[in-house]
Amino acid sequence: MNLVEQVRENAVKYPHKEAFYFEGNRTTYGELEKQVSRLAFSLHQLGMKKGDHVAVILNNSPDFIISFYAIMRVGATTIPINPAFTVDEMAYIIDNGDVEWIIFEGDLHQKIYELKRPLKQMKGWIVCGDLEEENSFYSLSQLMNHEHDFVPVSLQDDDLAIILYTSGTTGYPKGAMLTHGNLVANARDVGNFFLFTCEDRVIATLPFYHVFALTVVLNVPLTKGATIFIAPRFSPMKIFELARLGASVFAGVPTMYSFLYQYEEGNPKDFSNLRLAISGGAPLPIKVLENFERRFQIPIFEGYGLSEASPVTCFNPPDRERKPGSIGMSILNVENKVVDENGQEVKVGEVGELICRGPNVMKGYYKMEKETANTIRDDWLYTGDLAKQDKEGYFYIVDRKKDLIIVGGLNVYPREVEEVLYTYPQVLEAAVIGVQEEDYGEEVHAYIVLKDERCTRDELEAFCKKYLAPYKIPKVYHFVQELPKNSTGKILKRFLKERNFEAK
């Protein structure tokens, strides 16, 4: 059973149950089914068909949910794009992804006008919100303003459902092709792993166009008959407001937990109904975890995933021991292991590359056979992340394979240095990279955002000397106002290497 069929089934079982809440408006499963079916009918009438590629350039909203499920219903493939992208960034994905249809927010009309001129392959443009002066755009609301229903096309597990372009932390984004089988398997397994039920109320502030949100706060709740509280964008005030409505699940990236902890107006009582706090998307610094848990008395369950795996492969289990600093153990139906350069499993406690396999692993990269062959070998997905495993089966991410720093022939894992820096009271954020150096190969550079600008390099160096071997201590400290991040809060280290930040 695919996602479309599961949500249709829930509309029959829970027609009057709330599917999502957005800006004071509530939509039931029965209403969602009608909206999806009517939009699918109109899209089919316009000529959208199985196999077409559709870019969806929307922030978190009911329009995103309705569009995504309607596109699946006609058998087309969704390509989500971050609305904050520049015209050039959008154009790259649209061109590389062979996009034929675009659904976009009205606020983006200036970008869309710039995109529209050179695009010859387009079949249709659909705007969420009316632009009366532009007759060549279809209106999403008008496409749903009728009484016709649409029976979903037949879908096979191997049919392509979505192409997710990776965040591009190390270069141009690649399009990970996820099938209907991939999506339904990960939604099912994550939902069962975290014991989701139809009674859950899930805060959705992670952007829907990102794979973490797509599975954990969108597909999982809808397939379980749960309710989604949609936040258009992240703000601590908005999260506490939605929590007061009785939210039981919150999923976020580490920076969100840091901001929630620092939000002075936040009342821990607002989280009284929260049974589950999930962190993913980037490594969770132990200090951030400890600060949040001490203030709100809610445990954070850290996990791991990547676009190529739909995305979840590991999580700390809610019904067993939780290990801070660990990404947990393999979720249901997914196998993980740590291997050496020859693909042989290493001993417990040794560092190697994390690989995984299961029904969640992508079909491959779109139009990139060589990269696909390098990433998927003998059904195993090579993640590019360095990890180790303990004797209880819990995994620990050490660092990105490409981020490893080699100083005088010795390995330095940036995350280890960052964890130390985060424990210093005056450090708000930290990122560590390797910079080429003539004598020792590389030297360690730390980029620091301070809480108190009176903090000095000498203070940080003295602190690091207490916890790090001499070769791991940063050689250079760059004090900056902010760190470059993508839309989910992941720090973009390639920007740190490419851009020249001035040290104080």
Protein backbone atom coordinates (compact mmCIF):
# COMPACT_ATOMS: atom_id res chain seq x y z
CA MET A 1 0.00 0.00 0.00
CA ASN A 2 1.47 3.37 -1.04
CA LEU A 3 1.18 6.73 0.73
CA VAL A 4 -1.77 7.88 -1.40
CA GLU A 5 -3.77 4.76 -0.54
CA GLN A 6 -2.95 5.00 3.17
CA VAL A 7 -4.12 8.59 3.46
CA ARG A 8 -7.29 7.77 1.48
CA GLU A 9 -7.93 4.91 3.89
CA ASN A 10 -7.56 7.28 6.85
CA ALA A 11 -10.07 9.64 5.25
CA VAL A 12 -12.58 6.76 5.34
CA LYS A 13 -11.69 5.74 8.92
CA TYR A 14 -11.40 9.27 10.36
CA PRO A 15 -13.38 11.61 8.05
CA HIS A 16 -13.99 14.17 10.82
CA LYS A 17 -10.60 13.86 12.51
CA GLU A 18 -8.21 16.79 12.23
CA ALA A 19 -5.44 16.14 9.69
CA PHE A 20 -3.66 19.45 10.12
CA TYR A 21 -3.90 22.84 11.80
CA PHE A 22 -2.53 25.98 10.14
CA GLU A 23 -2.78 29.60 11.19
CA GLY A 24 -6.02 29.07 13.11
CA ASN A 25 -7.67 26.88 10.44
CA ARG A 26 -8.34 23.18 10.86
CA THR A 27 -8.66 20.64 8.04
CA THR A 28 -10.09 17.15 8.54
CA TYR A 29 -8.98 13.98 6.79
CA GLY A 30 -12.23 14.00 4.82
CA GLU A 31 -11.60 17.55 3.64
CA LEU A 32 -7.97 16.75 2.79
CA GLU A 33 -9.09 13.81 0.65
CA LYS A 34 -11.49 16.01 -1.32
CA GLN A 35 -8.88 18.72 -1.90
CA VAL A 36 -6.24 16.25 -3.05
CA SER A 37 -8.66 14.42 -5.33
CA ARG A 38 -9.98 17.61 -6.93
CA LEU A 39 -6.52 19.02 -7.54
CA ALA A 40 -5.41 15.70 -9.04
CA PHE A 41 -8.40 15.79 -11.40
CA SER A 42 -7.47 19.29 -12.59
CA LEU A 43 -3.79 18.45 -12.97
CA HIS A 44 -4.74 15.44 -15.07
CA GLN A 45 -7.08 17.59 -17.17
CA LEU A 46 -4.22 20.04 -17.79
CA GLY A 47 -2.13 17.19 -19.13
CA MET A 48 0.00 16.17 -16.16
CA LYS A 49 0.67 12.46 -16.38
CA LYS A 50 2.62 9.61 -14.86
CA GLY A 51 6.33 10.24 -15.14
CA ASP A 52 6.15 14.05 -15.43
CA HIS A 53 8.49 16.03 -13.17
CA VAL A 54 6.89 18.72 -11.01
CA ALA A 55 8.85 21.30 -9.02
CA VAL A 56 7.11 22.36 -5.81
CA ILE A 57 8.49 25.66 -4.49
CA LEU A 58 6.47 26.17 -1.33
CA ASN A 59 7.06 26.82 2.36
CA ASN A 60 5.23 24.80 5.00
CA SER A 61 1.52 25.14 4.32
CA PRO A 62 -1.56 23.08 3.47
CA ASP A 63 -0.83 23.86 -0.21
CA PHE A 64 2.39 21.85 0.01
CA ILE A 65 0.63 18.81 1.47
CA ILE A 66 -2.25 18.94 -1.00
CA SER A 67 0.07 19.46 -3.98
CA PHE A 68 2.45 16.67 -2.99
CA TYR A 69 -0.30 14.09 -2.54
CA ALA A 70 -2.15 15.22 -5.70
CA ILE A 71 1.02 14.90 -7.75
CA MET A 72 1.53 11.35 -6.43
CA ARG A 73 -2.12 10.59 -7.22
CA VAL A 74 -1.60 11.30 -10.94
CA GLY A 75 1.66 9.34 -10.90
CA ALA A 76 3.98 12.31 -11.47
CA THR A 77 7.28 12.91 -9.64
CA THR A 78 7.71 15.75 -7.14
CA ILE A 79 10.92 17.78 -6.97
CA PRO A 80 10.75 20.02 -3.87
CA ILE A 81 12.80 23.25 -3.99
CA ASN A 82 13.61 25.62 -1.16
CA PRO A 83 11.75 28.92 -1.84
CA ALA A 84 14.71 30.82 -0.38
CA PHE A 85 17.01 29.63 -3.17
CA THR A 86 18.33 32.15 -5.64
CA VAL A 87 17.14 32.10 -9.23
CA ASP A 88 20.40 30.41 -10.27
CA GLU A 89 20.02 27.70 -7.61
CA MET A 90 16.43 27.04 -8.67
CA ALA A 91 17.38 27.03 -12.35
CA TYR A 92 20.07 24.40 -11.78
CA ILE A 93 17.60 21.98 -10.16
CA ILE A 94 14.83 22.69 -12.68
CA ASP A 95 17.21 22.15 -15.60
CA ASN A 96 19.00 19.12 -14.14
CA GLY A 97 15.71 17.58 -12.96
CA ASP A 98 13.95 18.01 -16.35
CA VAL A 99 11.07 19.83 -14.67
CA GLU A 100 7.94 20.34 -16.78
CA TRP A 101 5.55 21.83 -14.21
CA ILE A 102 6.11 24.30 -11.37
CA ILE A 103 3.87 24.95 -8.36
CA PHE A 104 5.01 28.04 -6.49
CA GLU A 105 4.06 30.65 -3.90
CA GLY A 106 2.72 33.95 -5.17
CA ASP A 107 5.35 35.81 -3.15
CA LEU A 108 7.97 34.29 -5.46
CA HIS A 109 6.55 35.78 -8.65
CA GLN A 110 9.60 37.96 -9.34
CA LYS A 111 11.91 34.94 -9.19
CA ILE A 112 9.49 32.94 -11.30
CA TYR A 113 9.38 35.66 -13.97
CA GLU A 114 13.17 35.49 -14.17
CA LEU A 115 13.06 31.70 -14.37
CA LYS A 116 10.28 31.63 -16.93
CA ARG A 117 12.03 33.39 -19.77
CA PRO A 118 14.73 30.82 -20.60
CA LEU A 119 12.68 27.68 -19.80
CA LYS A 120 11.35 26.10 -22.98
CA GLN A 121 10.34 22.65 -21.72
CA MET A 122 7.62 23.87 -19.35
CA LYS A 123 4.04 22.63 -19.67
CA GLY A 124 2.45 24.70 -16.92
CA TRP A 125 2.92 27.10 -14.02
CA ILE A 126 0.62 26.95 -10.99
CA VAL A 127 0.56 29.73 -8.40
CA CYS A 128 -0.65 29.49 -4.82
CA GLY A 129 -2.41 32.81 -4.53
CA ASP A 130 -3.88 34.85 -7.35
CA LEU A 131 -1.78 36.96 -9.71
CA GLU A 132 -4.46 38.63 -11.79
CA GLU A 133 -2.05 40.36 -14.14
CA GLU A 134 -0.46 37.07 -15.24
CA ASN A 135 -2.86 35.02 -17.37
CA SER A 136 -0.34 32.29 -18.16
CA PHE A 137 -0.34 31.04 -14.54
CA TYR A 138 -2.97 28.62 -13.26
CA SER A 139 -4.37 29.29 -9.78
CA LEU A 140 -4.10 26.40 -7.32
CA SER A 141 -7.25 27.45 -5.48
CA GLN A 142 -9.25 27.62 -8.72
CA LEU A 143 -7.99 24.18 -9.74
CA MET A 144 -9.68 22.80 -6.61
CA ASN A 145 -12.91 24.76 -7.06
CA HIS A 146 -15.10 22.00 -8.51
CA GLU A 147 -16.80 18.76 -7.49
CA HIS A 148 -14.91 16.22 -9.64
CA ASP A 149 -12.93 13.42 -8.02
CA PHE A 150 -9.96 11.54 -9.41
CA VAL A 151 -9.17 7.86 -8.91
CA PRO A 152 -5.43 7.43 -8.25
CA VAL A 153 -3.36 5.90 -11.04
CA SER A 154 -1.82 2.50 -10.41
CA LEU A 155 1.54 2.81 -8.67
CA GLN A 156 4.25 0.21 -8.24
CA ASP A 157 6.82 0.17 -5.42
CA ASP A 158 9.60 0.88 -7.92
CA ASP A 159 7.85 3.89 -9.51
CA LEU A 160 9.62 7.18 -8.88
CA ALA A 161 7.82 9.36 -6.30
CA ILE A 162 10.24 12.17 -5.59
CA ILE A 163 13.66 13.52 -6.50
CA LEU A 164 15.31 15.17 -3.52
CA TYR A 165 18.29 17.33 -4.30
CA THR A 166 20.92 16.98 -1.59
CA SER A 167 21.78 20.07 0.43
CA GLY A 168 25.03 20.65 -1.39
CA THR A 169 27.25 20.97 1.69
CA THR A 170 30.19 19.68 -0.36
CA GLY A 171 29.36 20.79 -3.90
CA TYR A 172 26.57 20.90 -6.49
CA PRO A 173 23.43 19.09 -5.31
CA LYS A 174 22.63 15.64 -6.66
CA GLY A 175 19.09 14.38 -7.20
CA ALA A 176 18.35 11.36 -5.00
CA MET A 177 15.58 9.32 -6.65
CA LEU A 178 13.17 7.92 -4.05
CA THR A 179 10.48 5.47 -5.07
CA HIS A 180 7.00 4.99 -3.65
CA GLY A 181 8.35 1.85 -1.99
CA ASN A 182 11.16 3.85 -0.36
CA LEU A 183 8.81 6.47 1.06
CA VAL A 184 6.19 4.13 2.40
CA ALA A 185 8.79 1.81 3.95
CA ASN A 186 10.56 4.60 5.87
CA ALA A 187 7.29 6.20 6.98
CA ARG A 188 6.03 2.83 8.21
CA ASP A 189 9.25 1.88 9.98
CA VAL A 190 9.84 5.28 11.62
CA GLY A 191 6.21 5.42 12.73
CA ASN A 192 6.38 1.97 14.30
CA PHE A 193 9.82 2.58 15.83
CA PHE A 194 8.56 5.69 17.65
CA LEU A 195 5.17 4.18 18.48
CA PHE A 196 3.16 6.82 16.61
CA THR A 197 -0.63 6.56 16.88
CA CYS A 198 -3.64 8.45 15.56
CA GLU A 199 -3.69 10.35 18.85
CA ASP A 200 -0.35 12.08 18.24
CA ARG A 201 -0.15 15.80 17.46
CA VAL A 202 3.07 16.65 15.63
CA ILE A 203 4.66 20.08 15.32
CA ALA A 204 5.90 20.56 11.75
CA THR A 205 8.42 23.39 11.69
CA LEU A 206 11.09 21.51 9.76
CA PRO A 207 10.69 22.53 6.10
CA PHE A 208 8.57 20.07 4.12
CA TYR A 209 10.93 20.36 1.15
CA HIS A 210 13.63 18.68 3.25
CA VAL A 211 13.73 14.90 3.56
CA PHE A 212 13.77 14.84 7.39
CA ALA A 213 10.49 16.72 7.54
CA LEU A 214 8.96 14.93 4.58
CA THR A 215 9.08 11.60 6.37
CA VAL A 216 9.00 12.36 10.10
CA VAL A 217 6.53 15.26 10.38
CA LEU A 218 4.50 14.80 7.18
CA ASN A 219 4.23 11.24 5.87
CA VAL A 220 4.43 9.44 9.23
CA PRO A 221 1.60 11.42 10.91
CA LEU A 222 -0.67 11.26 7.84
CA THR A 223 -0.24 7.51 7.42
CA LYS A 224 -1.00 7.00 11.12
CA GLY A 225 -4.06 9.25 11.15
CA ALA A 226 -2.35 11.75 13.49
CA THR A 227 -2.62 15.56 13.44
CA ILE A 228 0.01 17.97 12.12
CA PHE A 229 0.45 21.46 13.61
CA ILE A 230 2.01 23.37 10.71
CA ALA A 231 4.47 26.19 11.42
CA PRO A 232 5.25 28.26 8.29
CA ARG A 233 8.79 28.74 9.57
CA PHE A 234 10.73 28.21 12.78
CA SER A 235 10.48 30.68 15.63
CA PRO A 236 10.68 29.79 19.34
CA MET A 237 7.55 31.84 20.06
CA LYS A 238 5.57 29.89 17.42
CA ILE A 239 6.76 26.53 18.75
CA PHE A 240 5.61 27.31 22.29
CA GLU A 241 2.31 28.58 20.90
CA LEU A 242 1.70 25.29 19.04
CA ALA A 243 2.91 23.25 22.01
CA ARG A 244 0.14 24.79 24.11
CA LEU A 245 -2.39 23.20 21.75
CA GLY A 246 -1.37 19.81 23.13
CA ALA A 247 1.51 18.81 20.85
CA SER A 248 2.91 15.37 21.66
CA VAL A 249 5.81 15.22 19.17
CA PHE A 250 8.44 17.79 18.18
CA ALA A 251 11.15 17.14 15.61
CA GLY A 252 13.94 19.62 15.01
CA VAL A 253 17.58 20.13 14.14
CA PRO A 254 20.17 20.97 16.82
CA THR A 255 20.07 24.73 16.22
CA MET A 256 16.33 24.72 16.96
CA TYR A 257 16.89 23.08 20.34
CA SER A 258 19.58 25.64 21.08
CA PHE A 259 17.22 28.54 20.28
CA LEU A 260 14.37 27.01 22.29
CA TYR A 261 16.65 26.69 25.29
CA GLN A 262 17.78 30.31 24.98
CA TYR A 263 14.22 31.67 24.55
CA GLU A 264 13.69 33.28 27.94
CA GLU A 265 9.90 33.63 27.56
CA GLY A 266 9.48 29.90 26.98
CA ASN A 267 7.52 28.16 29.72
CA PRO A 268 8.48 24.52 30.32
CA LYS A 269 4.83 23.83 31.23
CA ASP A 270 3.90 24.46 27.57
CA PHE A 271 5.65 21.18 26.74
CA SER A 272 3.71 19.21 29.33
CA ASN A 273 2.02 17.00 26.69
CA LEU A 274 5.21 16.34 24.72
CA ARG A 275 6.08 12.64 24.76
CA LEU A 276 8.78 12.71 22.11
CA ALA A 277 11.49 15.19 21.05
CA ILE A 278 13.49 14.11 18.01
CA SER A 279 16.74 15.55 16.68
CA GLY A 280 18.30 14.90 13.30
CA GLY A 281 19.69 16.62 10.23
CA ALA A 282 23.06 17.35 11.87
CA PRO A 283 25.07 16.10 14.86
CA LEU A 284 23.57 17.19 18.18
CA PRO A 285 26.23 18.70 20.47
CA ILE A 286 26.01 17.06 23.89
CA LYS A 287 26.01 20.46 25.60
CA VAL A 288 22.95 21.55 23.61
CA LEU A 289 21.19 18.32 24.60
CA GLU A 290 22.07 18.77 28.26
CA ASN A 291 20.98 22.43 28.37
CA PHE A 292 17.60 21.69 26.78
CA GLU A 293 16.88 18.64 28.91
CA ARG A 294 17.86 20.38 32.13
CA ARG A 295 15.49 23.27 31.47
CA PHE A 296 12.51 21.42 30.02
CA GLN A 297 12.88 17.95 31.56
CA ILE A 298 12.24 16.33 28.17
CA PRO A 299 14.69 13.79 26.70
CA ILE A 300 15.88 14.36 23.13
CA PHE A 301 16.21 11.27 20.95
CA GLU A 302 18.97 11.77 18.41
CA GLY A 303 19.07 9.86 15.15
CA TYR A 304 20.63 9.78 11.75
CA GLY A 305 19.54 9.82 8.15
CA LEU A 306 20.32 11.11 4.69
CA SER A 307 18.35 11.97 1.58
CA GLU A 308 19.56 8.82 -0.14
CA ALA A 309 17.90 6.67 2.58
CA SER A 310 14.48 8.37 2.67
CA PRO A 311 16.07 9.42 5.20
CA VAL A 312 16.12 7.56 8.55
CA THR A 313 18.49 4.64 9.25
CA CYS A 314 19.25 4.97 13.00
CA PHE A 315 17.65 6.43 16.12
CA ASN A 316 17.87 6.17 19.86
CA PRO A 317 14.90 3.96 20.77
CA PRO A 318 12.17 5.43 23.01
CA ASP A 319 11.63 2.15 24.84
CA ARG A 320 15.26 1.31 25.65
CA GLU A 321 18.40 3.02 26.90
CA ARG A 322 19.14 6.39 25.33
CA LYS A 323 22.81 7.27 24.90
CA PRO A 324 23.65 10.98 24.56
CA GLY A 325 26.14 11.51 21.74
CA SER A 326 24.92 8.40 19.93
CA ILE A 327 22.66 8.25 16.86
CA GLY A 328 21.16 5.12 18.34
CA MET A 329 20.65 1.77 16.65
CA SER A 330 19.21 0.56 13.37
CA ILE A 331 15.50 1.21 12.98
CA LEU A 332 13.12 -1.55 11.93
CA ASN A 333 13.96 -3.26 8.62
CA VAL A 334 17.18 -1.25 8.12
CA GLU A 335 20.67 -2.65 8.59
CA ASN A 336 23.73 -0.50 9.38
CA LYS A 337 27.37 -1.42 9.80
CA VAL A 338 30.81 0.21 9.92
CA VAL A 339 33.38 -0.85 7.32
CA ASP A 340 36.96 -0.19 6.30
CA GLU A 341 38.17 1.02 2.89
CA ASN A 342 37.75 -2.49 1.49
CA GLY A 343 34.15 -2.77 2.62
CA GLN A 344 34.98 -5.18 5.45
CA GLU A 345 33.22 -4.71 8.78
CA VAL A 346 35.53 -3.30 11.46
CA LYS A 347 35.75 -4.35 15.09
CA VAL A 348 33.53 -2.85 17.78
CA GLY A 349 34.83 0.59 18.75
CA GLU A 350 36.89 1.09 15.58
CA VAL A 351 36.18 3.99 13.21
CA GLY A 352 35.14 3.33 9.63
CA GLU A 353 32.52 4.38 7.09
CA LEU A 354 28.86 3.91 7.97
CA ILE A 355 26.91 1.97 5.35
CA CYS A 356 23.30 0.82 5.33
CA ARG A 357 20.80 -1.20 3.35
CA GLY A 358 17.05 -1.68 3.41
CA PRO A 359 13.82 -0.89 1.55
CA ASN A 360 14.44 2.82 2.20
CA VAL A 361 17.60 3.09 0.07
CA MET A 362 17.22 5.24 -3.03
CA LYS A 363 17.02 4.04 -6.61
CA GLY A 364 20.06 6.16 -7.46
CA TYR A 365 21.08 9.68 -8.44
CA TYR A 366 19.16 11.21 -11.32
CA LYS A 367 21.21 11.08 -14.54
CA MET A 368 24.39 10.26 -12.58
CA GLU A 369 25.24 6.60 -13.14
CA LYS A 370 28.88 6.89 -12.05
CA GLU A 371 28.00 8.61 -8.75
CA THR A 372 25.26 6.03 -8.17
CA ALA A 373 27.70 3.17 -8.69
CA ASN A 374 30.16 4.77 -6.25
CA THR A 375 27.48 5.25 -3.60
CA ILE A 376 25.48 2.01 -3.85
CA ARG A 377 27.60 -1.13 -3.92
CA ASP A 378 26.14 -4.62 -3.59
CA ASP A 379 22.88 -3.06 -2.27
CA TRP A 380 24.75 -1.17 0.47
CA LEU A 381 24.52 2.63 0.60
CA TYR A 382 27.89 4.18 1.43
CA THR A 383 27.04 7.29 3.44
CA GLY A 384 30.40 9.06 3.47
CA ASP A 385 30.13 9.45 7.25
CA LEU A 386 32.73 8.11 9.66
CA ALA A 387 31.26 6.20 12.58
CA LYS A 388 31.88 3.59 15.25
CA GLN A 389 29.65 1.07 17.01
CA ASP A 390 29.61 -0.03 20.64
CA LYS A 391 29.00 -3.53 21.93
CA GLU A 392 25.29 -2.82 22.53
CA GLY A 393 24.77 -1.97 18.85
CA TYR A 394 24.59 1.83 19.23
CA PHE A 395 26.29 3.88 16.52
CA TYR A 396 28.23 7.13 16.91
CA ILE A 397 28.99 9.55 14.11
CA VAL A 398 32.59 10.64 14.33
CA ASP A 399 32.53 13.00 11.35
CA ARG A 400 32.07 13.40 7.64
CA LYS A 401 34.67 11.42 5.74
CA LYS A 402 35.37 14.50 3.61
CA ASP A 403 35.73 16.71 6.71
CA LEU A 404 38.46 14.62 8.30
CA ILE A 405 41.53 16.78 9.09
CA ILE A 406 45.01 15.25 8.90
CA VAL A 407 47.62 17.10 10.94
CA GLY A 408 51.14 15.76 10.58
CA GLY A 409 49.75 12.35 9.64
CA LEU A 410 47.36 12.26 12.62
CA ASN A 411 43.58 12.21 12.26
CA VAL A 412 41.56 15.06 13.76
CA TYR A 413 37.77 14.69 13.78
CA PRO A 414 36.16 18.17 13.68
CA ARG A 415 33.19 17.05 15.74
CA GLU A 416 35.42 16.10 18.67
CA VAL A 417 36.92 19.61 18.72
CA GLU A 418 33.48 21.21 18.29
CA GLU A 419 32.09 19.29 21.26
CA VAL A 420 34.83 20.75 23.46
CA LEU A 421 34.23 24.28 22.17
CA TYR A 422 30.48 24.01 22.81
CA THR A 423 31.14 23.32 26.48
CA TYR A 424 32.85 26.70 26.93
CA PRO A 425 30.22 29.06 28.44
CA GLN A 426 30.91 31.98 26.08
CA VAL A 427 30.58 29.94 22.86
CA LEU A 428 27.20 30.03 21.12
CA GLU A 429 28.13 28.09 17.97
CA ALA A 430 31.29 26.48 16.63
CA ALA A 431 32.46 24.87 13.41
CA VAL A 432 35.87 23.34 12.77
CA ILE A 433 37.53 22.80 9.39
CA GLY A 434 40.97 21.87 8.04
CA VAL A 435 42.97 24.39 6.08
CA GLN A 436 45.93 23.38 3.91
CA GLU A 437 49.27 24.25 5.48
CA GLU A 438 52.73 23.83 4.01
CA ASP A 439 54.55 22.04 6.85
CA TYR A 440 51.94 19.79 8.46
CA GLY A 441 49.48 19.11 5.61
CA GLU A 442 46.52 20.75 7.33
CA GLU A 443 45.91 22.89 10.38
CA VAL A 444 42.78 23.15 12.50
CA HIS A 445 40.69 26.31 12.15
CA ALA A 446 37.72 27.07 14.41
CA TYR A 447 34.91 29.45 13.46
CA ILE A 448 33.22 30.76 16.59
CA VAL A 449 30.02 32.70 17.28
CA LEU A 450 30.31 34.16 20.78
CA LYS A 451 27.72 34.95 23.43
CA ASP A 452 30.15 37.45 24.95
CA GLU A 453 32.50 39.25 22.57
CA ARG A 454 34.97 39.91 25.38
CA CYS A 455 36.06 36.29 25.13
CA THR A 456 39.56 36.00 23.65
CA ARG A 457 41.56 33.53 21.63
CA ASP A 458 43.88 32.91 24.58
CA GLU A 459 40.96 31.96 26.81
CA LEU A 460 39.66 29.42 24.29
CA GLU A 461 43.09 27.97 23.68
CA ALA A 462 43.70 27.53 27.40
CA PHE A 463 40.35 25.79 27.72
CA CYS A 464 41.01 23.45 24.76
CA LYS A 465 44.40 22.46 26.21
CA LYS A 466 42.57 20.86 29.13
CA TYR A 467 40.62 18.46 26.91
CA LEU A 468 42.45 18.04 23.59
CA ALA A 469 45.81 16.68 22.49
CA PRO A 470 48.10 19.45 21.19
CA TYR A 471 47.66 18.54 17.50
CA LYS A 472 43.83 18.78 17.83
CA ILE A 473 43.81 22.29 19.31
CA PRO A 474 42.73 24.93 16.76
CA LYS A 475 45.64 26.84 15.30
CA VAL A 476 43.42 29.76 14.24
CA TYR A 477 40.20 31.08 15.80
CA HIS A 478 37.86 33.05 13.53
CA PHE A 479 35.29 35.06 15.50
CA VAL A 480 32.24 35.67 13.27
CA GLN A 481 28.73 37.06 13.69
CA GLU A 482 27.06 33.98 12.25
CA LEU A 483 27.83 30.68 10.55
CA PRO A 484 26.55 29.88 7.05
CA LYS A 485 23.70 27.38 7.22
CA ASN A 486 21.23 25.71 4.89
CA SER A 487 17.46 25.91 5.37
CA THR A 488 17.41 23.22 8.07
CA GLY A 489 20.16 24.76 10.17
CA LYS A 490 23.01 22.52 9.02
CA ILE A 491 26.30 24.42 8.96
CA LEU A 492 27.74 24.64 5.44
CA LYS A 493 31.43 24.00 5.98
CA ARG A 494 32.28 24.35 2.33
CA PHE A 495 31.29 28.02 2.60
CA LEU A 496 33.75 28.40 5.44
CA LYS A 497 36.47 27.02 3.19
CA GLU A 498 35.42 29.11 0.17
CA ARG A 499 34.67 32.43 1.87
CA ASN A 500 37.27 34.60 3.59
CA PHE A 501 36.04 35.38 7.11
CA GLU A 502 38.10 37.93 8.96
CA ALA A 503 39.42 36.89 12.36
CA LYS A 504 39.39 39.47 15.12
